[in-house]
Protein backbone atom coordinates (compact mmCIF):
# COMPACT_ATOMS: atom_id res chain seq x y z
CA UNK A 1 0.05 -0.05 0.03
CA UNK A 2 2.85 2.32 0.69
CA UNK A 3 4.35 1.78 -2.71
CA UNK A 4 0.82 2.42 -4.25
CA UNK A 5 0.22 5.60 -2.25
CA UNK A 6 3.73 6.98 -3.01
CA UNK A 7 3.22 6.17 -6.68
CA UNK A 8 0.04 8.28 -6.81
CA UNK A 9 -2.61 5.69 -6.25
CA UNK A 10 -5.51 7.27 -4.36
CA UNK A 11 -8.12 4.51 -4.63
CA UNK A 12 -8.04 1.51 -2.29
CA UNK A 13 -11.05 -0.64 -2.91
CA UNK A 14 -12.07 -3.10 -0.04
CA UNK A 15 -15.18 -5.07 0.84
CA UNK A 16 -16.61 -7.13 3.57
CA UNK A 17 -16.53 -10.25 1.40
CA UNK A 18 -12.77 -9.91 0.54
CA UNK A 19 -10.81 -12.53 2.38
CA UNK A 20 -8.10 -11.59 4.70
CA UNK A 21 -8.65 -7.90 4.26
CA UNK A 22 -6.87 -7.92 0.95
CA UNK A 23 -7.06 -4.74 -1.07
CA UNK A 24 -7.53 -4.04 -4.71
CA UNK A 25 -5.75 -0.93 -5.95
CA UNK A 26 -7.00 1.74 -8.40
CA UNK A 27 -6.30 5.20 -9.64
CA UNK A 28 -9.13 7.57 -8.58
CA UNK A 29 -10.56 7.68 -5.06
CA UNK A 30 -11.16 5.75 -1.89
CA UNK A 31 -14.08 3.29 -2.26
CA UNK A 32 -15.87 0.68 -0.12
CA UNK A 33 -17.67 -2.19 -1.88
CA UNK A 34 -20.67 -3.51 0.07
CA UNK A 35 -22.99 -6.42 -0.74
CA UNK A 36 -26.85 -6.12 -0.54
CA UNK A 37 -27.81 -2.44 -0.25
CA UNK A 38 -30.74 -2.87 2.09
CA UNK A 39 -30.77 0.06 4.41
CA UNK A 40 -29.83 -1.70 7.64
CA UNK A 41 -27.22 -3.93 5.99
CA UNK A 42 -25.70 -0.88 4.32
CA UNK A 43 -25.55 1.26 7.46
CA UNK A 44 -24.16 -1.38 9.82
CA UNK A 45 -21.71 -2.70 7.27
CA UNK A 46 -20.39 0.76 6.32
CA UNK A 47 -20.03 1.83 10.00
CA UNK A 48 -18.07 -1.44 10.75
CA UNK A 49 -15.85 -0.87 7.69
CA UNK A 50 -15.12 2.77 8.68
CA UNK A 51 -14.14 1.70 12.20
CA UNK A 52 -11.85 -1.06 10.90
CA UNK A 53 -10.18 1.44 8.47
CA UNK A 54 -10.13 4.06 11.23
CA UNK A 55 -11.76 6.58 8.84
CA UNK A 56 -14.59 9.01 9.25
CA UNK A 57 -15.83 8.58 5.70
CA UNK A 58 -15.07 7.00 2.29
CA UNK A 59 -15.12 8.86 -0.98
CA UNK A 60 -17.36 6.34 -2.75
CA UNK A 61 -19.52 3.50 -1.47
CA UNK A 62 -20.57 0.86 -3.93
CA UNK A 63 -23.72 -1.19 -4.07
CA UNK A 64 -22.56 -4.59 -5.29
CA UNK A 65 -25.26 -6.15 -7.43
CA UNK A 66 -28.86 -5.00 -7.16
CA UNK A 67 -31.00 -6.49 -4.37
CA UNK A 68 -34.18 -7.98 -5.96
CA UNK A 69 -35.92 -7.93 -2.52
CA UNK A 70 -35.36 -4.12 -2.04
CA UNK A 71 -37.17 -1.53 -4.00
CA UNK A 72 -34.94 0.80 -5.99
CA UNK A 73 -36.30 3.78 -4.13
CA UNK A 74 -35.13 2.34 -0.77
CA UNK A 75 -31.67 1.67 -2.29
CA UNK A 76 -31.35 5.16 -3.51
CA UNK A 77 -32.61 6.60 -0.23
CA UNK A 78 -30.25 4.51 1.76
CA UNK A 79 -27.24 5.69 -0.30
CA UNK A 80 -28.57 9.35 -0.03
CA UNK A 81 -28.78 8.91 3.74
CA UNK A 82 -25.22 7.68 4.14
CA UNK A 83 -23.94 10.60 2.05
CA UNK A 84 -26.03 13.02 4.07
CA UNK A 85 -24.74 11.53 7.29
CA UNK A 86 -21.14 12.24 6.06
CA UNK A 87 -20.20 8.56 5.88
CA UNK A 88 -19.44 8.85 2.08
CA UNK A 89 -19.01 11.58 -0.53
CA UNK A 90 -20.65 9.62 -3.33
CA UNK A 91 -22.09 6.29 -4.27
CA UNK A 92 -21.70 3.97 -7.20
CA UNK A 93 -22.93 0.61 -8.45
CA UNK A 94 -21.14 -2.57 -9.12
CA UNK A 95 -22.23 -5.30 -11.69
CA UNK A 96 -25.56 -3.40 -12.34
CA UNK A 97 -27.12 -3.33 -15.81
CA UNK A 98 -27.39 -0.06 -17.72
CA UNK A 99 -31.16 -0.28 -17.15
CA UNK A 100 -30.79 -0.63 -13.49
CA UNK A 101 -28.42 2.31 -13.30
CA UNK A 102 -30.84 4.42 -15.33
CA UNK A 103 -33.70 3.44 -13.00
CA UNK A 104 -31.64 4.58 -9.94
CA UNK A 105 -30.90 7.96 -11.64
CA UNK A 106 -34.56 8.41 -12.52
CA UNK A 107 -35.66 7.57 -8.97
CA UNK A 108 -33.07 10.09 -7.61
CA UNK A 109 -34.34 12.84 -9.85
CA UNK A 110 -37.91 12.14 -9.13
CA UNK A 111 -37.56 12.19 -5.29
CA UNK A 112 -34.73 14.77 -5.18
CA UNK A 113 -32.19 12.16 -4.04
CA UNK A 114 -28.53 11.49 -4.90
CA UNK A 115 -27.86 9.49 -8.02
CA UNK A 116 -24.92 7.04 -8.54
CA UNK A 117 -21.77 8.56 -10.24
CA UNK A 118 -19.95 5.41 -11.44
CA UNK A 119 -20.32 1.71 -12.13
CA UNK A 120 -17.74 -1.00 -11.42
CA UNK A 121 -17.56 -3.32 -14.40
CA UNK A 122 -15.28 -6.06 -15.69
CA UNK A 123 -13.32 -4.87 -18.55
CA UNK A 124 -10.32 -6.32 -20.44
CA UNK A 125 -9.18 -7.50 -23.83
CA UNK A 126 -11.69 -10.34 -23.83
CA UNK A 127 -14.63 -8.65 -22.03
CA UNK A 128 -15.70 -5.49 -23.80
CA UNK A 129 -19.34 -5.48 -24.60
CA UNK A 130 -20.81 -3.77 -21.48
CA UNK A 131 -18.21 -1.12 -21.09
CA UNK A 132 -17.99 -0.27 -24.85
CA UNK A 133 -21.68 -0.61 -25.83
CA UNK A 134 -23.96 -0.28 -22.92
CA UNK A 135 -22.28 2.18 -20.46
CA UNK A 136 -21.01 4.84 -22.95
CA UNK A 137 -24.64 6.09 -23.34
CA UNK A 138 -24.88 6.58 -19.55
CA UNK A 139 -21.48 8.33 -19.50
CA UNK A 140 -22.59 10.88 -22.18
CA UNK A 141 -26.17 11.31 -20.95
CA UNK A 142 -25.87 11.34 -17.11
CA UNK A 143 -22.08 11.44 -16.41
CA UNK A 144 -21.80 7.87 -15.00
CA UNK A 145 -18.17 6.84 -15.17
CA UNK A 146 -16.74 3.31 -15.15
CA UNK A 147 -14.37 1.89 -12.46
CA UNK A 148 -13.19 -1.12 -14.30
CA UNK A 149 -11.88 -4.33 -12.60
CA UNK A 150 -9.83 -7.33 -13.75
CA UNK A 151 -7.85 -5.65 -16.48
CA UNK A 152 -5.69 -8.70 -16.67
CA UNK A 153 -8.54 -11.20 -16.66
CA UNK A 154 -7.59 -12.93 -13.44
CA UNK A 155 -3.96 -13.16 -14.64
CA UNK A 156 -4.70 -14.69 -18.10
CA UNK A 157 -3.44 -11.62 -19.82
CA UNK A 158 -0.07 -11.68 -18.10
CA UNK A 159 1.02 -14.53 -20.39
CA UNK A 160 1.95 -16.75 -17.54
CA UNK A 161 -0.47 -19.38 -18.80
CA UNK A 162 1.05 -19.61 -22.17
CA UNK A 163 2.55 -23.08 -21.56
CA UNK A 164 -0.02 -24.38 -19.06
CA UNK A 165 -0.82 -23.90 -15.43
CA UNK A 166 2.26 -22.97 -13.35
CA UNK A 167 2.54 -24.19 -9.81
CA UNK A 168 1.42 -21.65 -7.17
CA UNK A 169 -0.57 -19.64 -9.77
CA UNK A 170 -4.11 -18.64 -9.02
CA UNK A 171 -5.40 -21.22 -11.56
CA UNK A 172 -3.56 -23.97 -9.78
CA UNK A 173 -5.56 -23.50 -6.54
CA UNK A 174 -8.61 -25.59 -5.77
CA UNK A 175 -11.15 -22.64 -5.56
CA UNK A 176 -10.11 -21.63 -9.06
CA UNK A 177 -11.04 -24.76 -10.97
CA UNK A 178 -13.34 -22.58 -13.08
CA UNK A 179 -10.28 -20.46 -14.13
CA UNK A 180 -8.16 -23.52 -14.93
CA UNK A 181 -11.02 -24.95 -17.04
CA UNK A 182 -11.31 -21.63 -18.78
CA UNK A 183 -7.57 -21.43 -19.63
CA UNK A 184 -7.45 -25.07 -20.80
CA UNK A 185 -10.53 -24.73 -23.04
CA UNK A 186 -10.37 -24.22 -26.80
CA UNK A 187 -11.27 -20.59 -26.31
CA UNK A 188 -8.65 -20.26 -23.67
CA UNK A 189 -5.92 -21.55 -26.13
CA UNK A 190 -7.18 -19.09 -28.75
CA UNK A 191 -6.82 -16.33 -26.31
CA UNK A 192 -3.19 -17.35 -25.54
CA UNK A 193 -2.39 -17.27 -29.20
CA UNK A 194 -3.83 -13.71 -29.51
CA UNK A 195 -1.77 -12.71 -26.42
CA UNK A 196 1.38 -13.84 -28.18
CA UNK A 197 0.67 -11.31 -31.12
CA UNK A 198 -0.23 -8.67 -28.63
CA UNK A 199 3.11 -9.09 -26.94
CA UNK A 200 4.75 -8.05 -30.16
CA UNK A 201 2.84 -4.70 -29.90
CA UNK A 202 3.91 -4.40 -26.18
CA UNK A 203 7.56 -4.95 -27.29
CA UNK A 204 7.22 -2.26 -29.97
CA UNK A 205 5.96 0.19 -27.43
CA UNK A 206 8.73 -0.78 -24.86
CA UNK A 207 6.36 -2.09 -22.34
CA UNK A 208 5.20 -5.41 -20.90
CA UNK A 209 1.94 -7.09 -21.92
CA UNK A 210 0.19 -6.33 -18.61
CA UNK A 211 1.14 -2.70 -19.02
CA UNK A 212 -0.29 -2.61 -22.50
CA UNK A 213 -3.51 -4.22 -21.25
CA UNK A 214 -3.93 -1.73 -18.43
CA UNK A 215 -3.12 1.22 -20.61
CA UNK A 216 -5.63 -0.01 -23.19
CA UNK A 217 -8.35 0.09 -20.52
CA UNK A 218 -7.44 3.42 -19.27
CA UNK A 219 -7.53 5.05 -22.77
CA UNK A 220 -11.32 4.57 -22.91
CA UNK A 221 -12.78 7.96 -22.25
CA UNK A 222 -15.60 6.45 -20.08
CA UNK A 223 -13.16 4.64 -17.75
CA UNK A 224 -12.46 6.84 -14.71
CA UNK A 225 -10.25 4.28 -12.89
CA UNK A 226 -8.86 0.78 -13.25
CA UNK A 227 -8.77 -1.45 -10.18
CA UNK A 228 -5.50 -3.50 -9.93
CA UNK A 229 -4.77 -6.65 -7.76
CA UNK A 230 -1.10 -7.25 -7.00
CA UNK A 231 0.39 -10.07 -5.13
CA UNK A 232 3.84 -8.49 -4.60
CA UNK A 233 5.56 -5.13 -4.76
CA UNK A 234 7.32 -6.00 -8.06
CA UNK A 235 4.04 -6.77 -9.78
CA UNK A 236 2.49 -3.63 -8.50
CA UNK A 237 5.43 -1.46 -9.77
CA UNK A 238 5.21 -3.07 -13.09
CA UNK A 239 1.41 -2.41 -13.33
CA UNK A 240 1.67 1.08 -12.33
CA UNK A 241 4.01 1.65 -15.23
CA UNK A 242 1.03 1.47 -17.49
CA UNK A 243 0.53 5.13 -16.86
CA UNK A 244 3.62 5.81 -18.99
CA UNK A 245 2.16 3.73 -21.82
CA UNK A 246 -1.12 5.63 -22.25
CA UNK A 247 0.39 8.40 -24.40
CA UNK A 248 1.70 5.76 -26.72
CA UNK A 249 -1.77 4.33 -27.19
CA UNK A 250 -2.52 6.02 -30.53
CA UNK A 251 -5.44 5.25 -32.76
CA UNK A 252 -3.12 3.23 -34.85
CA UNK A 253 -2.12 1.04 -32.00
CA UNK A 254 -5.68 0.57 -30.87
CA UNK A 255 -6.59 -0.46 -34.40
CA UNK A 256 -3.74 -3.06 -34.29
CA UNK A 257 -5.09 -4.41 -30.98
CA UNK A 258 -8.62 -4.52 -32.31
CA UNK A 259 -7.39 -6.44 -35.44
CA UNK A 260 -5.69 -9.08 -33.33
CA UNK A 261 -8.58 -9.47 -30.89
CA UNK A 262 -11.28 -9.52 -33.45
CA UNK A 263 -13.93 -8.78 -30.94
CA UNK A 264 -14.71 -5.13 -31.07
CA UNK A 265 -18.40 -4.66 -30.20
CA UNK A 266 -20.62 -3.05 -32.78
CA UNK A 267 -21.81 0.31 -31.61
CA UNK A 268 -23.31 3.53 -33.18
CA UNK A 269 -20.23 5.57 -32.42
CA UNK A 270 -16.64 5.27 -31.51
CA UNK A 271 -16.33 6.08 -27.69
CA UNK A 272 -12.48 5.75 -27.68
CA UNK A 273 -10.02 8.71 -27.80
């Protein structure tokens, strides 16, 4: 955390469900991700989190997935309440659909409440549809930004699975059987082949493949921040180096990446720089 902070990181994302108090690092503000935004759960969870972090407030509190048992008005009122109580500056959503976010915005406007300002969404080379086709409309119409997560696709994009599953890697652990199956599948092998080609672009830019992947995420105008998970200081320092790669992410480079990936979503307009 010290390395991250001294390198300019000012978003530390934590949640009650994260094991061992591990943190994901990002590049925008301090956030706290909470499950089930029912009023009592939200208030008790946030108070407990603030006490553990020894903070009076967080910059952003996130509602992780919608709660089908709680009316949208109650969710928005609860988030407005914690902001009015000084426990958070803003609130955002996580894994919400564009329709759900728009509903929250409409409810906020109808009852003079506070709408969400950002959505946490998975975004990387192999997961593009939501961030590039659904969320841009919200970004341009109501100013909802994206805090993207998993820019390296659970480590797949690092290239370490090119020749199989290394010992002590995440995919070698029992809880990650789903990741191992994904890597060893036909689609997984095709992804590794594409990563080999993308590595040539990274080499041309004088960066690593992970740095290219993170810079590629950050160049999207709707992405406000990218959450990074690092297991050691060396990995963190390498990932933070992606900031230096962003100026090199020209339209030509982006086009080369799109050509290799072959999965650019169809949309009415181009939302990239």
